C-alpha atoms as a PDB file:
ATOM      1  CA  MET A   1     -24.154   4.233 -44.040  1.00  0.00           C
ATOM      2  CA  LYS A   2     -23.513   4.330 -40.132  1.00  0.00           C
ATOM      3  CA  SER A   3     -19.901   4.785 -38.576  1.00  0.00           C
ATOM      4  CA  THR A   4     -18.518   2.715 -35.641  1.00  0.00           C
ATOM      5  CA  ASP A   5     -19.502   3.614 -32.715  1.00  0.00           C
ATOM      6  CA  LYS A   6     -16.661   6.406 -31.691  1.00  0.00           C
ATOM      7  CA  THR A   7     -16.892   5.478 -27.655  1.00  0.00           C
ATOM      8  CA  LYS A   8     -14.884   2.010 -28.903  1.00  0.00           C
ATOM      9  CA  ASN A   9     -11.772   2.035 -27.917  1.00  0.00           C
ATOM     10  CA  THR A  10     -10.403   2.865 -31.187  1.00  0.00           C
ATOM     11  CA  PHE A  11      -8.078   5.505 -32.749  1.00  0.00           C
ATOM     12  CA  ALA A  12      -7.136   5.868 -36.363  1.00  0.00           C
ATOM     13  CA  ILE A  13      -4.975   8.295 -37.012  1.00  0.00           C
ATOM     14  CA  THR A  14      -3.175   8.993 -41.247  1.00  0.00           C
ATOM     15  CA  THR A  15      -0.019  10.693 -42.937  1.00  0.00           C
ATOM     16  CA  PRO A  16      -0.299  12.363 -45.837  1.00  0.00           C
ATOM     17  CA  LEU A  17       0.029  10.142 -48.883  1.00  0.00           C
ATOM     18  CA  TYR A  18       3.222  10.915 -50.198  1.00  0.00           C
ATOM     19  CA  TYR A  19       3.422  12.247 -53.904  1.00  0.00           C
ATOM     20  CA  VAL A  20       5.729   9.447 -55.802  1.00  0.00           C
ATOM     21  CA  ASN A  21       7.356  11.870 -58.020  1.00  0.00           C
ATOM     22  CA  ASP A  22      10.325  11.953 -56.241  1.00  0.00           C
ATOM     23  CA  LEU A  23      12.278   9.966 -53.424  1.00  0.00           C
ATOM     24  CA  PRO A  24      10.668  10.725 -49.473  1.00  0.00           C
ATOM     25  CA  HIS A  25      12.740  13.780 -47.485  1.00  0.00           C
ATOM     26  CA  VAL A  26      12.811  14.921 -44.427  1.00  0.00           C
ATOM     27  CA  GLY A  27       9.604  16.314 -44.466  1.00  0.00           C
ATOM     28  CA  SER A  28       7.702  13.031 -45.141  1.00  0.00           C
ATOM     29  CA  ALA A  29       9.880  11.594 -42.412  1.00  0.00           C
ATOM     30  CA  TYR A  30       8.891  14.142 -39.841  1.00  0.00           C
ATOM     31  CA  THR A  31       4.935  13.823 -40.154  1.00  0.00           C
ATOM     32  CA  THR A  32       5.179  10.086 -39.884  1.00  0.00           C
ATOM     33  CA  MET A  33       7.370   9.482 -36.748  1.00  0.00           C
ATOM     34  CA  ALA A  34       5.236  12.648 -35.364  1.00  0.00           C
ATOM     35  CA  ALA A  35       2.178  10.029 -36.379  1.00  0.00           C
ATOM     36  CA  ASP A  36       3.924   6.758 -34.862  1.00  0.00           C
ATOM     37  CA  ALA A  37       5.000   8.763 -31.802  1.00  0.00           C
ATOM     38  CA  LEU A  38       1.217   9.358 -31.343  1.00  0.00           C
ATOM     39  CA  ALA A  39      -0.144   5.916 -32.110  1.00  0.00           C
ATOM     40  CA  ARG A  40       2.794   4.569 -29.807  1.00  0.00           C
ATOM     41  CA  PHE A  41       1.590   6.686 -26.938  1.00  0.00           C
ATOM     42  CA  GLU A  42      -2.502   5.610 -27.669  1.00  0.00           C
ATOM     43  CA  ARG A  43      -0.855   1.704 -28.183  1.00  0.00           C
ATOM     44  CA  LEU A  44      -0.006   2.660 -24.139  1.00  0.00           C
ATOM     45  CA  ARG A  45      -2.682   3.817 -23.134  1.00  0.00           C
ATOM     46  CA  GLY A  46      -4.750   1.086 -24.114  1.00  0.00           C
ATOM     47  CA  LYS A  47      -6.644   1.645 -27.154  1.00  0.00           C
ATOM     48  CA  SER A  48      -6.688  -0.324 -30.353  1.00  0.00           C
ATOM     49  CA  VAL A  49      -4.801   1.893 -33.098  1.00  0.00           C
ATOM     50  CA  LEU A  50      -4.592   1.206 -36.970  1.00  0.00           C
ATOM     51  CA  LEU A  51      -1.889   3.557 -38.192  1.00  0.00           C
ATOM     52  CA  VAL A  52      -2.269   4.420 -42.158  1.00  0.00           C
ATOM     53  CA  THR A  53       0.644   5.690 -44.587  1.00  0.00           C
ATOM     54  CA  GLY A  54       1.026   5.139 -47.928  1.00  0.00           C
ATOM     55  CA  THR A  55       1.687   6.739 -51.326  1.00  0.00           C
ATOM     56  CA  ASP A  56      -0.217   9.190 -54.192  1.00  0.00           C
ATOM     57  CA  GLU A  57       0.539   8.262 -57.796  1.00  0.00           C
ATOM     58  CA  HIS A  58      -2.610   9.781 -59.894  1.00  0.00           C
ATOM     59  CA  GLY A  59      -1.844  12.495 -61.454  1.00  0.00           C
ATOM     60  CA  GLN A  60      -0.092  15.081 -64.365  1.00  0.00           C
ATOM     61  CA  LYS A  61       2.843  15.524 -62.398  1.00  0.00           C
ATOM     62  CA  ILE A  62       3.554  11.608 -62.110  1.00  0.00           C
ATOM     63  CA  GLN A  63       2.706  11.197 -66.085  1.00  0.00           C
ATOM     64  CA  ARG A  64       5.246  13.587 -66.865  1.00  0.00           C
ATOM     65  CA  THR A  65       7.845  12.880 -64.298  1.00  0.00           C
ATOM     66  CA  ALA A  66       7.605   9.586 -65.216  1.00  0.00           C
ATOM     67  CA  GLU A  67       8.037  10.465 -69.349  1.00  0.00           C
ATOM     68  CA  SER A  68      10.972  12.454 -68.084  1.00  0.00           C
ATOM     69  CA  LEU A  69      12.683   9.360 -67.240  1.00  0.00           C
ATOM     70  CA  GLY A  70      11.754   7.147 -69.948  1.00  0.00           C
ATOM     71  CA  ARG A  71       9.215   5.076 -67.960  1.00  0.00           C
ATOM     72  CA  SER A  72       5.520   4.347 -67.682  1.00  0.00           C
ATOM     73  CA  PRO A  73       3.729   5.943 -64.893  1.00  0.00           C
ATOM     74  CA  GLN A  74       3.350   2.585 -63.445  1.00  0.00           C
ATOM     75  CA  ALA A  75       6.955   1.686 -63.384  1.00  0.00           C
ATOM     76  CA  HIS A  76       8.391   4.793 -62.301  1.00  0.00           C
ATOM     77  CA  CYS A  77       5.546   4.475 -59.001  1.00  0.00           C
ATOM     78  CA  ASP A  78       6.777   1.135 -58.563  1.00  0.00           C
ATOM     79  CA  SER A  79      10.354   2.170 -58.448  1.00  0.00           C
ATOM     80  CA  VAL A  80      10.104   4.950 -55.961  1.00  0.00           C
ATOM     81  CA  VAL A  81       7.317   2.745 -53.285  1.00  0.00           C
ATOM     82  CA  PRO A  82       9.582   0.809 -52.024  1.00  0.00           C
ATOM     83  CA  ALA A  83      11.872   3.945 -50.593  1.00  0.00           C
ATOM     84  CA  PHE A  84       9.483   4.934 -48.864  1.00  0.00           C
ATOM     85  CA  GLU A  85       8.594   1.191 -47.306  1.00  0.00           C
ATOM     86  CA  ALA A  86      12.357   1.273 -47.133  1.00  0.00           C
ATOM     87  CA  LEU A  87      12.679   4.442 -44.860  1.00  0.00           C
ATOM     88  CA  TRP A  88       9.836   3.458 -42.067  1.00  0.00           C
ATOM     89  CA  GLU A  89      11.681   0.319 -41.666  1.00  0.00           C
ATOM     90  CA  GLN A  90      14.624   2.129 -40.886  1.00  0.00           C
ATOM     91  CA  LEU A  91      12.837   4.224 -38.760  1.00  0.00           C
ATOM     92  CA  ASP A  92      11.227   1.388 -37.293  1.00  0.00           C
ATOM     93  CA  ILE A  93       7.365   2.794 -38.488  1.00  0.00           C
ATOM     94  CA  GLN A  94       4.968   0.937 -37.080  1.00  0.00           C
ATOM     95  CA  TYR A  95       2.451   1.466 -39.597  1.00  0.00           C
ATOM     96  CA  ASP A  96      -0.346  -0.983 -39.629  1.00  0.00           C
ATOM     97  CA  ARG A  97      -1.609  -0.068 -43.718  1.00  0.00           C
ATOM     98  CA  PHE A  98       0.305   1.088 -46.230  1.00  0.00           C
ATOM     99  CA  ILE A  99      -1.954   2.669 -48.770  1.00  0.00           C
ATOM    100  CA  ARG A 100      -1.287   2.704 -52.658  1.00  0.00           C
ATOM    101  CA  THR A 101      -3.552   4.976 -54.980  1.00  0.00           C
ATOM    102  CA  THR A 102      -3.020   2.391 -58.150  1.00  0.00           C
ATOM    103  CA  SER A 103      -4.328  -0.638 -55.898  1.00  0.00           C
ATOM    104  CA  ARG A 104      -6.986  -2.137 -57.562  1.00  0.00           C
ATOM    105  CA  ARG A 105      -9.284  -2.276 -54.448  1.00  0.00           C
ATOM    106  CA  HIS A 106      -8.671   1.670 -54.405  1.00  0.00           C
ATOM    107  CA  GLU A 107     -10.487   2.155 -57.493  1.00  0.00           C
ATOM    108  CA  TYR A 108     -13.536   0.308 -56.621  1.00  0.00           C
ATOM    109  CA  ILE A 109     -13.747   2.498 -53.406  1.00  0.00           C
ATOM    110  CA  VAL A 110     -13.095   5.498 -55.707  1.00  0.00           C
ATOM    111  CA  LYS A 111     -16.023   5.092 -58.292  1.00  0.00           C
ATOM    112  CA  GLU A 112     -18.703   3.576 -55.200  1.00  0.00           C
ATOM    113  CA  PHE A 113     -17.868   6.979 -53.526  1.00  0.00           C
ATOM    114  CA  PHE A 114     -18.087   9.093 -56.822  1.00  0.00           C
ATOM    115  CA  GLN A 115     -21.797   7.320 -57.480  1.00  0.00           C
ATOM    116  CA  ARG A 116     -22.666   8.450 -53.867  1.00  0.00           C
ATOM    117  CA  VAL A 117     -21.791  12.319 -55.028  1.00  0.00           C
ATOM    118  CA  TRP A 118     -22.980  11.810 -58.367  1.00  0.00           C
ATOM    119  CA  ASN A 119     -26.296  10.419 -56.800  1.00  0.00           C
ATOM    120  CA  SER A 120     -26.504  13.509 -54.610  1.00  0.00           C
ATOM    121  CA  GLY A 121     -26.186  16.069 -57.747  1.00  0.00           C
ATOM    122  CA  ASP A 122     -23.114  17.112 -56.699  1.00  0.00           C
ATOM    123  CA  ILE A 123     -21.317  16.638 -59.628  1.00  0.00           C
ATOM    124  CA  TYR A 124     -21.383  18.547 -63.422  1.00  0.00           C
ATOM    125  CA  LEU A 125     -19.953  19.510 -66.304  1.00  0.00           C
ATOM    126  CA  ASN A 126     -18.759  22.514 -66.912  1.00  0.00           C
ATOM    127  CA  GLN A 127     -15.826  24.356 -69.146  1.00  0.00           C
ATOM    128  CA  GLN A 128     -12.713  25.625 -66.852  1.00  0.00           C
ATOM    129  CA  GLN A 129     -10.380  28.534 -67.652  1.00  0.00           C
ATOM    130  CA  GLY A 130      -7.344  29.686 -65.545  1.00  0.00           C
ATOM    131  CA  TRP A 131      -3.775  29.054 -64.616  1.00  0.00           C
ATOM    132  CA  TYR A 132      -2.598  25.529 -63.477  1.00  0.00           C
ATOM    133  CA  CYS A 133       0.289  24.565 -61.350  1.00  0.00           C
ATOM    134  CA  VAL A 134       1.348  20.992 -62.911  1.00  0.00           C
ATOM    135  CA  SER A 135       3.085  20.207 -59.403  1.00  0.00           C
ATOM    136  CA  CYS A 136       0.111  21.497 -57.088  1.00  0.00           C
ATOM    137  CA  GLU A 137      -2.419  19.571 -59.296  1.00  0.00           C
ATOM    138  CA  GLU A 138      -4.468  22.797 -58.981  1.00  0.00           C
ATOM    139  CA  PHE A 139      -5.978  25.593 -60.356  1.00  0.00           C
ATOM    140  CA  LYS A 140      -4.575  28.701 -59.179  1.00  0.00           C
ATOM    141  CA  ASP A 141      -6.245  32.498 -58.999  1.00  0.00           C
ATOM    142  CA  GLU A 142      -4.270  34.793 -60.427  1.00  0.00           C
ATOM    143  CA  ARG A 143      -4.068  36.126 -56.997  1.00  0.00           C
ATOM    144  CA  GLU A 144      -1.766  33.807 -55.730  1.00  0.00           C
ATOM    145  CA  LEU A 145       0.581  34.088 -58.456  1.00  0.00           C
ATOM    146  CA  LEU A 146       3.875  35.783 -58.266  1.00  0.00           C
ATOM    147  CA  PRO A 147       5.700  37.893 -60.642  1.00  0.00           C
ATOM    148  CA  GLY A 148       6.277  35.866 -64.162  1.00  0.00           C
ATOM    149  CA  ASN A 149       3.484  34.052 -63.608  1.00  0.00           C
ATOM    150  CA  ARG A 150       4.755  31.475 -61.273  1.00  0.00           C
ATOM    151  CA  CYS A 151       3.590  29.128 -58.691  1.00  0.00           C
ATOM    152  CA  SER A 152       3.614  30.903 -54.873  1.00  0.00           C
ATOM    153  CA  VAL A 153       3.920  27.303 -53.499  1.00  0.00           C
ATOM    154  CA  HIS A 154       6.574  25.909 -55.999  1.00  0.00           C
ATOM    155  CA  THR A 155       8.290  29.460 -56.664  1.00  0.00           C
ATOM    156  CA  SER A 156      10.543  28.350 -59.730  1.00  0.00           C
ATOM    157  CA  LYS A 157       7.395  26.475 -61.824  1.00  0.00           C
ATOM    158  CA  GLU A 158       5.609  28.954 -64.083  1.00  0.00           C
ATOM    159  CA  VAL A 159       1.915  28.304 -64.025  1.00  0.00           C
ATOM    160  CA  GLU A 160      -0.219  27.037 -67.346  1.00  0.00           C
ATOM    161  CA  TRP A 161      -3.516  28.296 -69.137  1.00  0.00           C
ATOM    162  CA  ARG A 162      -5.547  25.609 -69.267  1.00  0.00           C
ATOM    163  CA  ASP A 163      -9.393  26.160 -71.319  1.00  0.00           C
ATOM    164  CA  GLU A 164     -10.490  22.702 -71.143  1.00  0.00           C
ATOM    165  CA  GLU A 165     -13.793  20.776 -70.553  1.00  0.00           C
ATOM    166  CA  ASN A 166     -14.084  19.294 -66.727  1.00  0.00           C
ATOM    167  CA  TYR A 167     -16.379  18.116 -64.144  1.00  0.00           C
ATOM    168  CA  PHE A 168     -17.003  19.648 -61.370  1.00  0.00           C
ATOM    169  CA  PHE A 169     -17.729  18.924 -57.532  1.00  0.00           C
ATOM    170  CA  ARG A 170     -20.641  21.556 -56.264  1.00  0.00           C
ATOM    171  CA  LEU A 171     -18.046  23.079 -53.263  1.00  0.00           C
ATOM    172  CA  SER A 172     -19.767  26.135 -52.858  1.00  0.00           C
ATOM    173  CA  ARG A 173     -23.191  24.229 -51.899  1.00  0.00           C
ATOM    174  CA  TYR A 174     -21.638  23.256 -48.371  1.00  0.00           C
ATOM    175  CA  GLN A 175     -20.200  26.896 -47.609  1.00  0.00           C
ATOM    176  CA  ASP A 176     -22.464  27.230 -44.717  1.00  0.00           C
ATOM    177  CA  GLN A 177     -22.362  23.600 -43.841  1.00  0.00           C
ATOM    178  CA  LEU A 178     -18.721  23.948 -43.382  1.00  0.00           C
ATOM    179  CA  LEU A 179     -18.679  26.912 -41.535  1.00  0.00           C
ATOM    180  CA  ALA A 180     -21.027  25.166 -38.865  1.00  0.00           C
ATOM    181  CA  LEU A 181     -18.909  22.270 -38.701  1.00  0.00           C
ATOM    182  CA  TYR A 182     -16.126  24.840 -37.626  1.00  0.00           C
ATOM    183  CA  ALA A 183     -18.160  26.657 -34.726  1.00  0.00           C
ATOM    184  CA  GLU A 184     -19.259  23.746 -33.494  1.00  0.00           C
ATOM    185  CA  ARG A 185     -15.797  21.978 -33.267  1.00  0.00           C
ATOM    186  CA  PRO A 186     -13.106  24.823 -33.057  1.00  0.00           C
ATOM    187  CA  ASP A 187     -10.644  22.354 -32.962  1.00  0.00           C
ATOM    188  CA  PHE A 188     -11.232  20.657 -36.266  1.00  0.00           C
ATOM    189  CA  ILE A 189      -8.127  21.813 -37.439  1.00  0.00           C
ATOM    190  CA  ALA A 190      -5.122  22.740 -35.548  1.00  0.00           C
ATOM    191  CA  PRO A 191      -3.231  25.116 -34.507  1.00  0.00           C
ATOM    192  CA  GLU A 192      -5.251  28.228 -34.738  1.00  0.00           C
ATOM    193  CA  SER A 193      -3.644  30.225 -37.210  1.00  0.00           C
ATOM    194  CA  ARG A 194      -3.961  27.748 -39.344  1.00  0.00           C
ATOM    195  CA  ARG A 195      -7.686  27.643 -38.506  1.00  0.00           C
ATOM    196  CA  ASN A 196      -8.074  31.274 -38.948  1.00  0.00           C
ATOM    197  CA  GLU A 197      -6.524  31.031 -42.671  1.00  0.00           C
ATOM    198  CA  VAL A 198      -9.007  28.177 -43.439  1.00  0.00           C
ATOM    199  CA  LEU A 199     -11.779  30.281 -41.732  1.00  0.00           C
ATOM    200  CA  SER A 200     -11.174  33.465 -44.120  1.00  0.00           C
ATOM    201  CA  PHE A 201     -10.821  31.614 -46.982  1.00  0.00           C
ATOM    202  CA  VAL A 202     -14.746  29.436 -46.864  1.00  0.00           C
ATOM    203  CA  ASN A 203     -15.643  32.993 -45.433  1.00  0.00           C
ATOM    204  CA  SER A 204     -14.086  34.489 -48.658  1.00  0.00           C
ATOM    205  CA  GLY A 205     -16.638  32.293 -50.644  1.00  0.00           C
ATOM    206  CA  LEU A 206     -16.226  28.921 -52.182  1.00  0.00           C
ATOM    207  CA  GLN A 207     -16.030  27.870 -55.820  1.00  0.00           C
ATOM    208  CA  ASP A 208     -16.441  24.746 -57.278  1.00  0.00           C
ATOM    209  CA  PHE A 209     -13.508  22.899 -57.764  1.00  0.00           C
ATOM    210  CA  SER A 210     -12.769  20.638 -61.264  1.00  0.00           C
ATOM    211  CA  ILE A 211     -12.511  16.766 -60.367  1.00  0.00           C
ATOM    212  CA  SER A 212     -11.700  15.521 -63.867  1.00  0.00           C
ATOM    213  CA  ARG A 213      -8.966  15.638 -66.148  1.00  0.00           C
ATOM    214  CA  VAL A 214      -9.556  15.148 -70.332  1.00  0.00           C
ATOM    215  CA  ASN A 215      -6.151  13.486 -72.213  1.00  0.00           C
ATOM    216  CA  LEU A 216      -4.881  12.209 -69.082  1.00  0.00           C
ATOM    217  CA  GLU A 217      -4.129   8.820 -69.486  1.00  0.00           C
ATOM    218  CA  TRP A 218      -2.351   7.753 -65.914  1.00  0.00           C
ATOM    219  CA  GLY A 219      -5.432   8.246 -63.564  1.00  0.00           C
ATOM    220  CA  LEU A 220      -8.790   6.495 -62.577  1.00  0.00           C
ATOM    221  CA  PRO A 221     -11.026   6.759 -65.520  1.00  0.00           C
ATOM    222  CA  MET A 222     -14.358   8.295 -64.541  1.00  0.00           C
ATOM    223  CA  PRO A 223     -17.194   6.411 -64.171  1.00  0.00           C
ATOM    224  CA  VAL A 224     -19.597   8.181 -66.124  1.00  0.00           C
ATOM    225  CA  ASP A 225     -17.519   9.532 -68.630  1.00  0.00           C
ATOM    226  CA  PRO A 226     -14.136   7.228 -69.180  1.00  0.00           C
ATOM    227  CA  SER A 227     -12.915  10.552 -72.212  1.00  0.00           C
ATOM    228  CA  HIS A 228     -12.151  12.323 -68.871  1.00  0.00           C
ATOM    229  CA  SER A 229      -9.801  10.765 -65.703  1.00  0.00           C
ATOM    230  CA  ILE A 230     -10.812  11.506 -61.873  1.00  0.00           C
ATOM    231  CA  TYR A 231      -8.746  14.579 -60.449  1.00  0.00           C
ATOM    232  CA  VAL A 232      -5.766  13.195 -58.469  1.00  0.00           C
ATOM    233  CA  TRP A 233      -7.334  15.420 -55.147  1.00  0.00           C
ATOM    234  CA  PHE A 234     -11.026  13.537 -55.246  1.00  0.00           C
ATOM    235  CA  ASP A 235      -9.014  10.041 -55.987  1.00  0.00           C
ATOM    236  CA  ALA A 236      -5.897  10.499 -53.656  1.00  0.00           C
ATOM    237  CA  LEU A 237      -7.866  11.238 -50.491  1.00  0.00           C
ATOM    238  CA  LEU A 238     -10.056   8.512 -50.666  1.00  0.00           C
ATOM    239  CA  GLY A 239      -6.602   6.306 -50.127  1.00  0.00           C
ATOM    240  CA  TYR A 240      -7.683   7.385 -46.476  1.00  0.00           C
ATOM    241  CA  VAL A 241     -10.472   4.856 -47.027  1.00  0.00           C
ATOM    242  CA  THR A 242      -9.660   1.768 -49.007  1.00  0.00           C
ATOM    243  CA  ALA A 243      -6.770   1.723 -46.239  1.00  0.00           C
ATOM    244  CA  LEU A 244      -9.582   0.763 -43.549  1.00  0.00           C
ATOM    245  CA  LEU A 245     -10.445  -2.301 -45.372  1.00  0.00           C
ATOM    246  CA  ASP A 246      -9.354  -5.285 -43.687  1.00  0.00           C
ATOM    247  CA  PRO A 247      -6.731  -7.489 -46.088  1.00  0.00           C
ATOM    248  CA  ASP A 248      -9.445 -10.490 -46.717  1.00  0.00           C
ATOM    249  CA  SER A 249     -12.615  -8.083 -47.131  1.00  0.00           C
ATOM    250  CA  ASP A 250     -14.351  -7.229 -50.748  1.00  0.00           C
ATOM    251  CA  PRO A 251     -13.318  -3.569 -51.289  1.00  0.00           C
ATOM    252  CA  MET A 252     -16.665  -2.023 -50.727  1.00  0.00           C
ATOM    253  CA  LEU A 253     -17.346   1.817 -48.781  1.00  0.00           C
ATOM    254  CA  GLU A 254     -19.766  -0.396 -46.258  1.00  0.00           C
ATOM    255  CA  ASN A 255     -16.727  -2.486 -44.810  1.00  0.00           C
ATOM    256  CA  ALA A 256     -14.464   0.041 -45.258  1.00  0.00           C
ATOM    257  CA  LEU A 257     -16.209   2.500 -42.891  1.00  0.00           C
ATOM    258  CA  SER A 258     -17.375  -0.554 -40.880  1.00  0.00           C
ATOM    259  CA  LYS A 259     -14.851  -0.631 -38.006  1.00  0.00           C
ATOM    260  CA  TRP A 260     -11.948   2.665 -38.200  1.00  0.00           C
ATOM    261  CA  TRP A 261     -14.258   5.326 -39.116  1.00  0.00           C
ATOM    262  CA  PRO A 262     -14.101   8.136 -38.819  1.00  0.00           C
ATOM    263  CA  VAL A 263     -10.463   8.510 -38.525  1.00  0.00           C
ATOM    264  CA  ASP A 264      -9.240  10.655 -35.611  1.00  0.00           C
ATOM    265  CA  LEU A 265      -6.189  12.145 -36.639  1.00  0.00           C
ATOM    266  CA  HIS A 266      -5.563  13.373 -40.276  1.00  0.00           C
ATOM    267  CA  LEU A 267      -1.326  14.471 -39.469  1.00  0.00           C
ATOM    268  CA  ILE A 268      -0.668  16.426 -42.675  1.00  0.00           C
ATOM    269  CA  GLY A 269       1.416  19.695 -44.226  1.00  0.00           C
ATOM    270  CA  LYS A 270       0.487  22.976 -44.341  1.00  0.00           C
ATOM    271  CA  ASP A 271       0.496  22.996 -48.295  1.00  0.00           C
ATOM    272  CA  ILE A 272      -2.137  20.584 -48.569  1.00  0.00           C
ATOM    273  CA  LEU A 273      -4.302  22.498 -45.840  1.00  0.00           C
ATOM    274  CA  ARG A 274      -7.166  23.335 -47.742  1.00  0.00           C
ATOM    275  CA  PHE A 275      -7.811  19.833 -49.592  1.00  0.00           C
ATOM    276  CA  HIS A 276      -8.399  18.099 -46.302  1.00  0.00           C
ATOM    277  CA  ALA A 277     -10.145  20.816 -44.329  1.00  0.00           C
ATOM    278  CA  VAL A 278     -12.293  22.328 -46.798  1.00  0.00           C
ATOM    279  CA  TYR A 279     -12.320  19.876 -50.061  1.00  0.00           C
ATOM    280  CA  TRP A 280     -12.661  16.095 -48.201  1.00  0.00           C
ATOM    281  CA  PRO A 281     -14.851  17.235 -45.212  1.00  0.00           C
ATOM    282  CA  ALA A 282     -16.936  18.649 -48.221  1.00  0.00           C
ATOM    283  CA  MET A 283     -17.186  15.584 -50.117  1.00  0.00           C
ATOM    284  CA  LEU A 284     -17.850  13.676 -47.344  1.00  0.00           C
ATOM    285  CA  MET A 285     -21.118  15.515 -46.772  1.00  0.00           C
ATOM    286  CA  SER A 286     -22.258  15.239 -50.130  1.00  0.00           C
ATOM    287  CA  ALA A 287     -21.809  11.264 -49.712  1.00  0.00           C
ATOM    288  CA  ASN A 288     -23.351  10.977 -46.536  1.00  0.00           C
ATOM    289  CA  LEU A 289     -20.166  10.280 -44.414  1.00  0.00           C
ATOM    290  CA  PRO A 290     -19.285  11.498 -41.063  1.00  0.00           C
ATOM    291  CA  VAL A 291     -16.181  13.790 -41.232  1.00  0.00           C
ATOM    292  CA  PRO A 292     -13.154  12.759 -39.990  1.00  0.00           C
ATOM    293  CA  GLY A 293     -12.626  13.772 -35.945  1.00  0.00           C
ATOM    294  CA  SER A 294     -15.556  13.279 -34.211  1.00  0.00           C
ATOM    295  CA  CYS A 295     -13.824  13.877 -30.953  1.00  0.00           C
ATOM    296  CA  LEU A 296     -10.310  15.013 -32.391  1.00  0.00           C
ATOM    297  CA  ARG A 297      -9.265  17.235 -35.632  1.00  0.00           C
ATOM    298  CA  THR A 298      -7.678  17.544 -38.818  1.00  0.00           C
ATOM    299  CA  ARG A 299      -3.842  18.701 -37.193  1.00  0.00           C
ATOM    300  CA  VAL A 300      -1.578  21.023 -39.434  1.00  0.00           C
ATOM    301  CA  PHE A 301       1.674  20.306 -39.201  1.00  0.00           C
ATOM    302  CA  ASP A 302       4.131  23.792 -40.408  1.00  0.00           C
ATOM    303  CA  GLN A 303       6.741  21.875 -42.445  1.00  0.00           C
ATOM    304  CA  ARG A 304       9.026  23.501 -44.784  1.00  0.00           C
ATOM    305  CA  ARG A 305       7.663  22.184 -48.216  1.00  0.00           C
ATOM    306  CA  GLN A 306      10.744  20.084 -50.210  1.00  0.00           C
ATOM    307  CA  LYS A 307      11.214  19.848 -53.578  1.00  0.00           C
ATOM    308  CA  ASN A 308       8.143  16.957 -53.475  1.00  0.00           C
ATOM    309  CA  GLY A 309       5.058  17.981 -52.344  1.00  0.00           C
ATOM    310  CA  GLU A 310       2.584  15.608 -49.978  1.00  0.00           C
ATOM    311  CA  ASN A 311      -0.978  15.279 -51.808  1.00  0.00           C
ATOM    312  CA  GLY A 312      -3.340  13.790 -51.035  1.00  0.00           C
ATOM    313  CA  GLY A 313      -4.918  12.100 -48.164  1.00  0.00           C
END
C-alpha cells in the first residue's frame, strides 16, 4: 500500500492520545497548545493541515480506575472525554480530528493492521514472566525498578509479578532496520538527548514485546484468539491512523492512509518515547507501511510527568 506523495502541500501533526484514567492536566494542555501553534504556523504558510488529538481508552489501568469508582469502563471513559473536549475549546485549540480508541471504526483499523503483521510472521505465542507496572501498561526490567519494587516512573506504585501466556511481536527482528532509520534520518527523534537515549536502548539489544493480555475484558479481542485482548500500545498507536479517515469513508487502512500518511510530526512526552520511536516504526515496517515523518521527525518535548500518564499515540 503506497502512501501519499509528501511533496503535496499537506502537513499532518498529532498530540499524544491522552489516557483517560483521570481529568486532563497541565501536561496535556502544554503539548496540545504546542501542536496547535505549529498547526497554525503551517496554515499561515499555505499548507493544508490536519491536527489530530484524542484519547486512549483501553487497558487494565482504565478498568481498575472504573471499578474503584463503581462504573463500567465505558461509562468512565464517557465521563472523562468531555473534559478534554471542553478544555481544548476553552484554550481555542483548532484541532481537525478527535479520535477515541473505543470507536468502532478504530477497531476495524486495528484488526486490519494486526492481520498484516500476523501475515508477516511477526506475531507468536509465548510465556511471559516479569514485573509489570499497570500505570505504565508495561513490563519492567529489574534494573529499571526502585527499592521496594516500585516503578521508576510511577514512584509510589509497586509493580506486580506476572506469569502468563501472551502473544509477542518480533521487535528483535527490526533492530538493524531501526538503526538504519536513525542513521539515515538523524532528526527522526528530537531533541538530541532523547535520540541518544533511543540509540542506547536499541544498541543494547531489542527484546520482543507482548501485544496481548489474558483475563482482561476492557480491550479489543485479538482476531486470532478472542481469549486474549490486544495490548494497549498495539491498539492505541493505531489511533493515529484511524484519525486520518474522512468521516464518510469506510474504516479501511487504504482509506485512512490515502491522503495524510505518513504523519509529519508526532508531539509526545518523554515517558512514551520508547513506544513511539522504537515500537511504532517497527510495527509499521512489519506491516510494510511508511514510518512517520518522511521529511520531519518525531519530536519529543520534555515535560514533567503528572499523576496522569500520556499513552498511545
